[in-house]
Amino acid sequence: AKKNITSILEKGLLKQNRNHVHLSSDIITAKKVGMRYGKPIVLKVRALKMYQEGYDFFLSKNGVWLTNFVPSKYLII
């Protein structure tokens, strides 16, 4: 959500009280999820670069991509 963008750009995407950071595979889903928290801002994640640099990703049974943390250097506004 727009209200969180400053913190996200400083700290990255954190799992907070969840087991993982949840990532959407398409913009439509990302916007729907983001609307639950206010005006959505969709960020792209340089996931391939993250993976190449040792970060793990998991695909949940319901098709949501999961990871433990997304550093801000992998985010694109």
PDB file of N, CA and C in Angstrom:
ATOM      1  N   ALA A   1       0.835  -1.188   0.000  1.00  0.00           N
ATOM      2  CA  ALA A   1       0.000   0.000   0.000  1.00  0.00           C
ATOM      3  C   ALA A   1       0.877   1.248   0.000  1.00  0.00           C
ATOM      4  N   LYS A   2       0.331   2.320  -0.530  1.00  0.00           N
ATOM      5  CA  LYS A   2       1.074   3.578  -0.651  1.00  0.00           C
ATOM      6  C   LYS A   2       1.640   4.039   0.688  1.00  0.00           C
ATOM      7  N   LYS A   3       0.908   3.823   1.762  1.00  0.00           N
ATOM      8  CA  LYS A   3       1.351   4.289   3.074  1.00  0.00           C
ATOM      9  C   LYS A   3       2.613   3.575   3.570  1.00  0.00           C
ATOM     10  N   ASN A   4       2.938   2.423   2.990  1.00  0.00           N
ATOM     11  CA  ASN A   4       4.091   1.636   3.434  1.00  0.00           C
ATOM     12  C   ASN A   4       5.324   1.765   2.529  1.00  0.00           C
ATOM     13  N   ILE A   5       5.210   2.497   1.440  1.00  0.00           N
ATOM     14  CA  ILE A   5       6.259   2.488   0.434  1.00  0.00           C
ATOM     15  C   ILE A   5       7.607   3.009   0.952  1.00  0.00           C
ATOM     16  N   THR A   6       7.612   4.020   1.763  1.00  0.00           N
ATOM     17  CA  THR A   6       8.871   4.559   2.281  1.00  0.00           C
ATOM     18  C   THR A   6       9.613   3.497   3.089  1.00  0.00           C
ATOM     19  N   SER A   7       8.913   2.833   3.971  1.00  0.00           N
ATOM     20  CA  SER A   7       9.510   1.779   4.790  1.00  0.00           C
ATOM     21  C   SER A   7       9.992   0.613   3.932  1.00  0.00           C
ATOM     22  N   ILE A   8       9.199   0.225   2.941  1.00  0.00           N
ATOM     23  CA  ILE A   8       9.572  -0.882   2.061  1.00  0.00           C
ATOM     24  C   ILE A   8      10.840  -0.558   1.284  1.00  0.00           C
ATOM     25  N   LEU A   9      10.936   0.661   0.776  1.00  0.00           N
ATOM     26  CA  LEU A   9      12.113   1.041   0.011  1.00  0.00           C
ATOM     27  C   LEU A   9      13.359   1.144   0.890  1.00  0.00           C
ATOM     28  N   GLU A  10      13.184   1.384   2.172  1.00  0.00           N
ATOM     29  CA  GLU A  10      14.312   1.443   3.102  1.00  0.00           C
ATOM     30  C   GLU A  10      14.711   0.055   3.603  1.00  0.00           C
ATOM     31  N   LYS A  11      13.718  -0.755   3.979  1.00  0.00           N
ATOM     32  CA  LYS A  11      13.984  -2.028   4.657  1.00  0.00           C
ATOM     33  C   LYS A  11      13.780  -3.257   3.788  1.00  0.00           C
ATOM     34  N   GLY A  12      13.131  -3.100   2.635  1.00  0.00           N
ATOM     35  CA  GLY A  12      12.782  -4.248   1.810  1.00  0.00           C
ATOM     36  C   GLY A  12      11.422  -4.810   2.226  1.00  0.00           C
ATOM     37  N   LEU A  13      11.062  -5.936   1.632  1.00  0.00           N
ATOM     38  CA  LEU A  13       9.805  -6.599   1.994  1.00  0.00           C
ATOM     39  C   LEU A  13      10.078  -7.594   3.118  1.00  0.00           C
ATOM     40  N   LEU A  14       9.439  -7.360   4.250  1.00  0.00           N
ATOM     41  CA  LEU A  14       9.637  -8.192   5.438  1.00  0.00           C
ATOM     42  C   LEU A  14       8.426  -9.090   5.641  1.00  0.00           C
ATOM     43  N   LYS A  15       8.648 -10.262   6.211  1.00  0.00           N
ATOM     44  CA  LYS A  15       7.532 -11.183   6.430  1.00  0.00           C
ATOM     45  C   LYS A  15       6.661 -10.773   7.617  1.00  0.00           C
ATOM     46  N   GLN A  16       7.124  -9.847   8.414  1.00  0.00           N
ATOM     47  CA  GLN A  16       6.387  -9.355   9.585  1.00  0.00           C
ATOM     48  C   GLN A  16       5.965 -10.526  10.472  1.00  0.00           C
ATOM     49  N   ASN A  17       4.658 -10.728  10.663  1.00  0.00           N
ATOM     50  CA  ASN A  17       4.162 -11.809  11.525  1.00  0.00           C
ATOM     51  C   ASN A  17       3.836 -13.079  10.753  1.00  0.00           C
ATOM     52  N   ARG A  18       4.188 -13.138   9.488  1.00  0.00           N
ATOM     53  CA  ARG A  18       3.914 -14.308   8.652  1.00  0.00           C
ATOM     54  C   ARG A  18       5.157 -15.199   8.602  1.00  0.00           C
ATOM     55  N   ASN A  19       4.984 -16.379   8.024  1.00  0.00           N
ATOM     56  CA  ASN A  19       6.116 -17.292   7.857  1.00  0.00           C
ATOM     57  C   ASN A  19       6.995 -16.898   6.681  1.00  0.00           C
ATOM     58  N   HIS A  20       6.402 -16.219   5.679  1.00  0.00           N
ATOM     59  CA  HIS A  20       7.129 -15.843   4.476  1.00  0.00           C
ATOM     60  C   HIS A  20       6.581 -14.524   3.922  1.00  0.00           C
ATOM     61  N   VAL A  21       7.357 -13.924   3.030  1.00  0.00           N
ATOM     62  CA  VAL A  21       6.876 -12.812   2.213  1.00  0.00           C
ATOM     63  C   VAL A  21       6.087 -13.438   1.070  1.00  0.00           C
ATOM     64  N   HIS A  22       4.895 -12.935   0.805  1.00  0.00           N
ATOM     65  CA  HIS A  22       4.038 -13.458  -0.260  1.00  0.00           C
ATOM     66  C   HIS A  22       4.177 -12.584  -1.500  1.00  0.00           C
ATOM     67  N   LEU A  23       4.429 -13.222  -2.642  1.00  0.00           N
ATOM     68  CA  LEU A  23       4.611 -12.506  -3.896  1.00  0.00           C
ATOM     69  C   LEU A  23       3.566 -12.942  -4.905  1.00  0.00           C
ATOM     70  N   SER A  24       3.026 -12.004  -5.636  1.00  0.00           N
ATOM     71  CA  SER A  24       2.057 -12.300  -6.694  1.00  0.00           C
ATOM     72  C   SER A  24       2.803 -12.510  -8.002  1.00  0.00           C
ATOM     73  N   SER A  25       2.275 -13.377  -8.841  1.00  0.00           N
ATOM     74  CA  SER A  25       2.939 -13.642 -10.114  1.00  0.00           C
ATOM     75  C   SER A  25       2.422 -12.753 -11.241  1.00  0.00           C
ATOM     76  N   ASP A  26       1.369 -11.950 -10.958  1.00  0.00           N
ATOM     77  CA  ASP A  26       0.838 -11.052 -11.985  1.00  0.00           C
ATOM     78  C   ASP A  26       0.347  -9.756 -11.349  1.00  0.00           C
ATOM     79  N   ILE A  27       0.252  -8.725 -12.167  1.00  0.00           N
ATOM     80  CA  ILE A  27      -0.096  -7.385 -11.678  1.00  0.00           C
ATOM     81  C   ILE A  27      -1.541  -7.310 -11.172  1.00  0.00           C
ATOM     82  N   ILE A  28      -2.471  -7.982 -11.839  1.00  0.00           N
ATOM     83  CA  ILE A  28      -3.878  -7.936 -11.424  1.00  0.00           C
ATOM     84  C   ILE A  28      -4.034  -8.464 -10.004  1.00  0.00           C
ATOM     85  N   THR A  29      -3.421  -9.604  -9.719  1.00  0.00           N
ATOM     86  CA  THR A  29      -3.494 -10.173  -8.361  1.00  0.00           C
ATOM     87  C   THR A  29      -2.821  -9.256  -7.359  1.00  0.00           C
ATOM     88  N   ALA A  30      -1.668  -8.722  -7.726  1.00  0.00           N
ATOM     89  CA  ALA A  30      -0.946  -7.825  -6.821  1.00  0.00           C
ATOM     90  C   ALA A  30      -1.799  -6.611  -6.451  1.00  0.00           C
ATOM     91  N   LYS A  31      -2.492  -6.040  -7.429  1.00  0.00           N
ATOM     92  CA  LYS A  31      -3.358  -4.885  -7.154  1.00  0.00           C
ATOM     93  C   LYS A  31      -4.515  -5.261  -6.238  1.00  0.00           C
ATOM     94  N   LYS A  32      -5.129  -6.423  -6.475  1.00  0.00           N
ATOM     95  CA  LYS A  32      -6.241  -6.870  -5.623  1.00  0.00           C
ATOM     96  C   LYS A  32      -5.789  -7.037  -4.177  1.00  0.00           C
ATOM     97  N   VAL A  33      -4.645  -7.664  -3.990  1.00  0.00           N
ATOM     98  CA  VAL A  33      -4.127  -7.869  -2.641  1.00  0.00           C
ATOM     99  C   VAL A  33      -3.776  -6.529  -2.005  1.00  0.00           C
ATOM    100  N   GLY A  34      -3.105  -5.673  -2.758  1.00  0.00           N
ATOM    101  CA  GLY A  34      -2.702  -4.374  -2.240  1.00  0.00           C
ATOM    102  C   GLY A  34      -3.859  -3.477  -1.853  1.00  0.00           C
ATOM    103  N   MET A  35      -4.990  -3.622  -2.524  1.00  0.00           N
ATOM    104  CA  MET A  35      -6.167  -2.785  -2.231  1.00  0.00           C
ATOM    105  C   MET A  35      -6.733  -3.056  -0.842  1.00  0.00           C
ATOM    106  N   ARG A  36      -6.412  -4.193  -0.267  1.00  0.00           N
ATOM    107  CA  ARG A  36      -6.892  -4.499   1.088  1.00  0.00           C
ATOM    108  C   ARG A  36      -6.257  -3.584   2.124  1.00  0.00           C
ATOM    109  N   TYR A  37      -5.142  -2.954   1.761  1.00  0.00           N
ATOM    110  CA  TYR A  37      -4.389  -2.154   2.719  1.00  0.00           C
ATOM    111  C   TYR A  37      -4.343  -0.674   2.380  1.00  0.00           C
ATOM    112  N   GLY A  38      -5.165  -0.248   1.441  1.00  0.00           N
ATOM    113  CA  GLY A  38      -5.162   1.150   1.007  1.00  0.00           C
ATOM    114  C   GLY A  38      -4.878   1.212  -0.480  1.00  0.00           C
ATOM    115  N   LYS A  39      -4.447   2.370  -0.954  1.00  0.00           N
ATOM    116  CA  LYS A  39      -4.145   2.529  -2.373  1.00  0.00           C
ATOM    117  C   LYS A  39      -2.923   1.672  -2.718  1.00  0.00           C
ATOM    118  N   PRO A  40      -3.072   0.734  -3.654  1.00  0.00           N
ATOM    119  CA  PRO A  40      -1.952  -0.171  -3.947  1.00  0.00           C
ATOM    120  C   PRO A  40      -0.869   0.459  -4.818  1.00  0.00           C
ATOM    121  N   ILE A  41       0.342   0.037  -4.548  1.00  0.00           N
ATOM    122  CA  ILE A  41       1.489   0.335  -5.405  1.00  0.00           C
ATOM    123  C   ILE A  41       2.091  -1.019  -5.745  1.00  0.00           C
ATOM    124  N   VAL A  42       2.249  -1.300  -7.026  1.00  0.00           N
ATOM    125  CA  VAL A  42       2.801  -2.582  -7.445  1.00  0.00           C
ATOM    126  C   VAL A  42       4.296  -2.429  -7.682  1.00  0.00           C
ATOM    127  N   LEU A  43       5.054  -3.244  -6.986  1.00  0.00           N
ATOM    128  CA  LEU A  43       6.504  -3.274  -7.147  1.00  0.00           C
ATOM    129  C   LEU A  43       6.885  -4.553  -7.880  1.00  0.00           C
ATOM    130  N   LYS A  44       7.849  -4.467  -8.756  1.00  0.00           N
ATOM    131  CA  LYS A  44       8.378  -5.658  -9.400  1.00  0.00           C
ATOM    132  C   LYS A  44       9.588  -6.121  -8.595  1.00  0.00           C
ATOM    133  N   VAL A  45       9.727  -7.433  -8.510  1.00  0.00           N
ATOM    134  CA  VAL A  45      10.844  -8.026  -7.786  1.00  0.00           C
ATOM    135  C   VAL A  45      11.794  -8.659  -8.796  1.00  0.00           C
ATOM    136  N   ARG A  46      13.040  -8.342  -8.692  1.00  0.00           N
ATOM    137  CA  ARG A  46      14.051  -8.954  -9.558  1.00  0.00           C
ATOM    138  C   ARG A  46      14.363 -10.348  -9.008  1.00  0.00           C
ATOM    139  N   ALA A  47      13.381 -11.247  -9.146  1.00  0.00           N
ATOM    140  CA  ALA A  47      13.440 -12.573  -8.530  1.00  0.00           C
ATOM    141  C   ALA A  47      14.556 -13.437  -9.106  1.00  0.00           C
ATOM    142  N   LEU A  48      14.769 -13.379 -10.404  1.00  0.00           N
ATOM    143  CA  LEU A  48      15.845 -14.176 -10.992  1.00  0.00           C
ATOM    144  C   LEU A  48      17.196 -13.771 -10.405  1.00  0.00           C
ATOM    145  N   LYS A  49      17.420 -12.480 -10.289  1.00  0.00           N
ATOM    146  CA  LYS A  49      18.668 -11.980  -9.704  1.00  0.00           C
ATOM    147  C   LYS A  49      18.792 -12.441  -8.248  1.00  0.00           C
ATOM    148  N   MET A  50      17.691 -12.372  -7.506  1.00  0.00           N
ATOM    149  CA  MET A  50      17.701 -12.851  -6.120  1.00  0.00           C
ATOM    150  C   MET A  50      18.080 -14.332  -6.069  1.00  0.00           C
ATOM    151  N   TYR A  51      17.432 -15.114  -6.922  1.00  0.00           N
ATOM    152  CA  TYR A  51      17.685 -16.554  -6.959  1.00  0.00           C
ATOM    153  C   TYR A  51      19.151 -16.835  -7.310  1.00  0.00           C
ATOM    154  N   GLN A  52      19.670 -16.126  -8.298  1.00  0.00           N
ATOM    155  CA  GLN A  52      21.063 -16.307  -8.707  1.00  0.00           C
ATOM    156  C   GLN A  52      22.036 -15.943  -7.593  1.00  0.00           C
ATOM    157  N   GLU A  53      21.589 -15.074  -6.685  1.00  0.00           N
ATOM    158  CA  GLU A  53      22.444 -14.643  -5.576  1.00  0.00           C
ATOM    159  C   GLU A  53      22.155 -15.409  -4.290  1.00  0.00           C
ATOM    160  N   GLY A  54      21.410 -16.535  -4.418  1.00  0.00           N
ATOM    161  CA  GLY A  54      21.266 -17.438  -3.279  1.00  0.00           C
ATOM    162  C   GLY A  54      19.981 -17.384  -2.482  1.00  0.00           C
ATOM    163  N   TYR A  55      19.037 -16.572  -2.865  1.00  0.00           N
ATOM    164  CA  TYR A  55      17.763 -16.515  -2.147  1.00  0.00           C
ATOM    165  C   TYR A  55      16.861 -17.660  -2.603  1.00  0.00           C
ATOM    166  N   ASP A  56      16.117 -18.219  -1.666  1.00  0.00           N
ATOM    167  CA  ASP A  56      15.208 -19.322  -1.961  1.00  0.00           C
ATOM    168  C   ASP A  56      13.792 -18.821  -2.185  1.00  0.00           C
ATOM    169  N   PHE A  57      13.084 -19.475  -3.082  1.00  0.00           N
ATOM    170  CA  PHE A  57      11.667 -19.212  -3.342  1.00  0.00           C
ATOM    171  C   PHE A  57      10.917 -20.531  -3.265  1.00  0.00           C
ATOM    172  N   PHE A  58       9.658 -20.450  -2.834  1.00  0.00           N
ATOM    173  CA  PHE A  58       8.803 -21.622  -2.721  1.00  0.00           C
ATOM    174  C   PHE A  58       7.473 -21.293  -3.366  1.00  0.00           C
ATOM    175  N   LEU A  59       6.854 -22.255  -4.004  1.00  0.00           N
ATOM    176  CA  LEU A  59       5.526 -22.067  -4.580  1.00  0.00           C
ATOM    177  C   LEU A  59       4.522 -22.804  -3.708  1.00  0.00           C
ATOM    178  N   SER A  60       3.558 -22.064  -3.132  1.00  0.00           N
ATOM    179  CA  SER A  60       2.552 -22.676  -2.268  1.00  0.00           C
ATOM    180  C   SER A  60       1.533 -23.440  -3.106  1.00  0.00           C
ATOM    181  N   LYS A  61       0.728 -24.252  -2.422  1.00  0.00           N
ATOM    182  CA  LYS A  61      -0.301 -25.042  -3.108  1.00  0.00           C
ATOM    183  C   LYS A  61      -1.311 -24.168  -3.840  1.00  0.00           C
ATOM    184  N   ASN A  62      -1.539 -22.948  -3.346  1.00  0.00           N
ATOM    185  CA  ASN A  62      -2.505 -22.059  -4.000  1.00  0.00           C
ATOM    186  C   ASN A  62      -1.855 -21.104  -5.005  1.00  0.00           C
ATOM    187  N   GLY A  63      -0.600 -21.365  -5.387  1.00  0.00           N
ATOM    188  CA  GLY A  63       0.046 -20.604  -6.448  1.00  0.00           C
ATOM    189  C   GLY A  63       0.711 -19.315  -6.050  1.00  0.00           C
ATOM    190  N   VAL A  64       0.918 -19.100  -4.761  1.00  0.00           N
ATOM    191  CA  VAL A  64       1.580 -17.886  -4.282  1.00  0.00           C
ATOM    192  C   VAL A  64       3.064 -18.178  -4.106  1.00  0.00           C
ATOM    193  N   TRP A  65       3.894 -17.294  -4.639  1.00  0.00           N
ATOM    194  CA  TRP A  65       5.332 -17.436  -4.449  1.00  0.00           C
ATOM    195  C   TRP A  65       5.717 -16.886  -3.083  1.00  0.00           C
ATOM    196  N   LEU A  66       6.604 -17.603  -2.401  1.00  0.00           N
ATOM    197  CA  LEU A  66       7.012 -17.250  -1.048  1.00  0.00           C
ATOM    198  C   LEU A  66       8.529 -17.147  -0.974  1.00  0.00           C
ATOM    199  N   THR A  67       8.994 -16.251  -0.125  1.00  0.00           N
ATOM    200  CA  THR A  67      10.419 -16.141   0.180  1.00  0.00           C
ATOM    201  C   THR A  67      10.526 -15.576   1.591  1.00  0.00           C
ATOM    202  N   ASN A  68      11.721 -15.598   2.143  1.00  0.00           N
ATOM    203  CA  ASN A  68      11.884 -15.129   3.522  1.00  0.00           C
ATOM    204  C   ASN A  68      12.058 -13.625   3.642  1.00  0.00           C
ATOM    205  N   PHE A  69      12.571 -12.995   2.587  1.00  0.00           N
ATOM    206  CA  PHE A  69      12.884 -11.569   2.665  1.00  0.00           C
ATOM    207  C   PHE A  69      13.203 -11.085   1.258  1.00  0.00           C
ATOM    208  N   VAL A  70      12.799  -9.872   0.926  1.00  0.00           N
ATOM    209  CA  VAL A  70      13.182  -9.263  -0.348  1.00  0.00           C
ATOM    210  C   VAL A  70      13.893  -7.951  -0.027  1.00  0.00           C
ATOM    211  N   PRO A  71      15.225  -7.929  -0.134  1.00  0.00           N
ATOM    212  CA  PRO A  71      15.953  -6.687   0.097  1.00  0.00           C
ATOM    213  C   PRO A  71      15.519  -5.606  -0.906  1.00  0.00           C
ATOM    214  N   SER A  72      15.572  -4.377  -0.487  1.00  0.00           N
ATOM    215  CA  SER A  72      15.093  -3.278  -1.325  1.00  0.00           C
ATOM    216  C   SER A  72      15.854  -3.154  -2.637  1.00  0.00           C
ATOM    217  N   LYS A  73      17.106  -3.618  -2.694  1.00  0.00           N
ATOM    218  CA  LYS A  73      17.875  -3.499  -3.935  1.00  0.00           C
ATOM    219  C   LYS A  73      17.301  -4.343  -5.062  1.00  0.00           C
ATOM    220  N   TYR A  74      16.392  -5.268  -4.750  1.00  0.00           N
ATOM    221  CA  TYR A  74      15.760  -6.111  -5.774  1.00  0.00           C
ATOM    222  C   TYR A  74      14.373  -5.596  -6.159  1.00  0.00           C
ATOM    223  N   LEU A  75      13.964  -4.470  -5.633  1.00  0.00           N
ATOM    224  CA  LEU A  75      12.631  -3.930  -5.934  1.00  0.00           C
ATOM    225  C   LEU A  75      12.696  -2.854  -7.007  1.00  0.00           C
ATOM    226  N   ILE A  76      11.714  -2.887  -7.901  1.00  0.00           N
ATOM    227  CA  ILE A  76      11.588  -1.890  -8.955  1.00  0.00           C
ATOM    228  C   ILE A  76      10.207  -1.259  -8.838  1.00  0.00           C
ATOM    229  N   ILE A  77      10.153   0.064  -8.770  1.00  0.00           N
ATOM    230  CA  ILE A  77       8.867   0.763  -8.662  1.00  0.00           C
ATOM    231  C   ILE A  77       8.274   0.897 -10.054  1.00  0.00           C
TER     232      ILE A  77
END
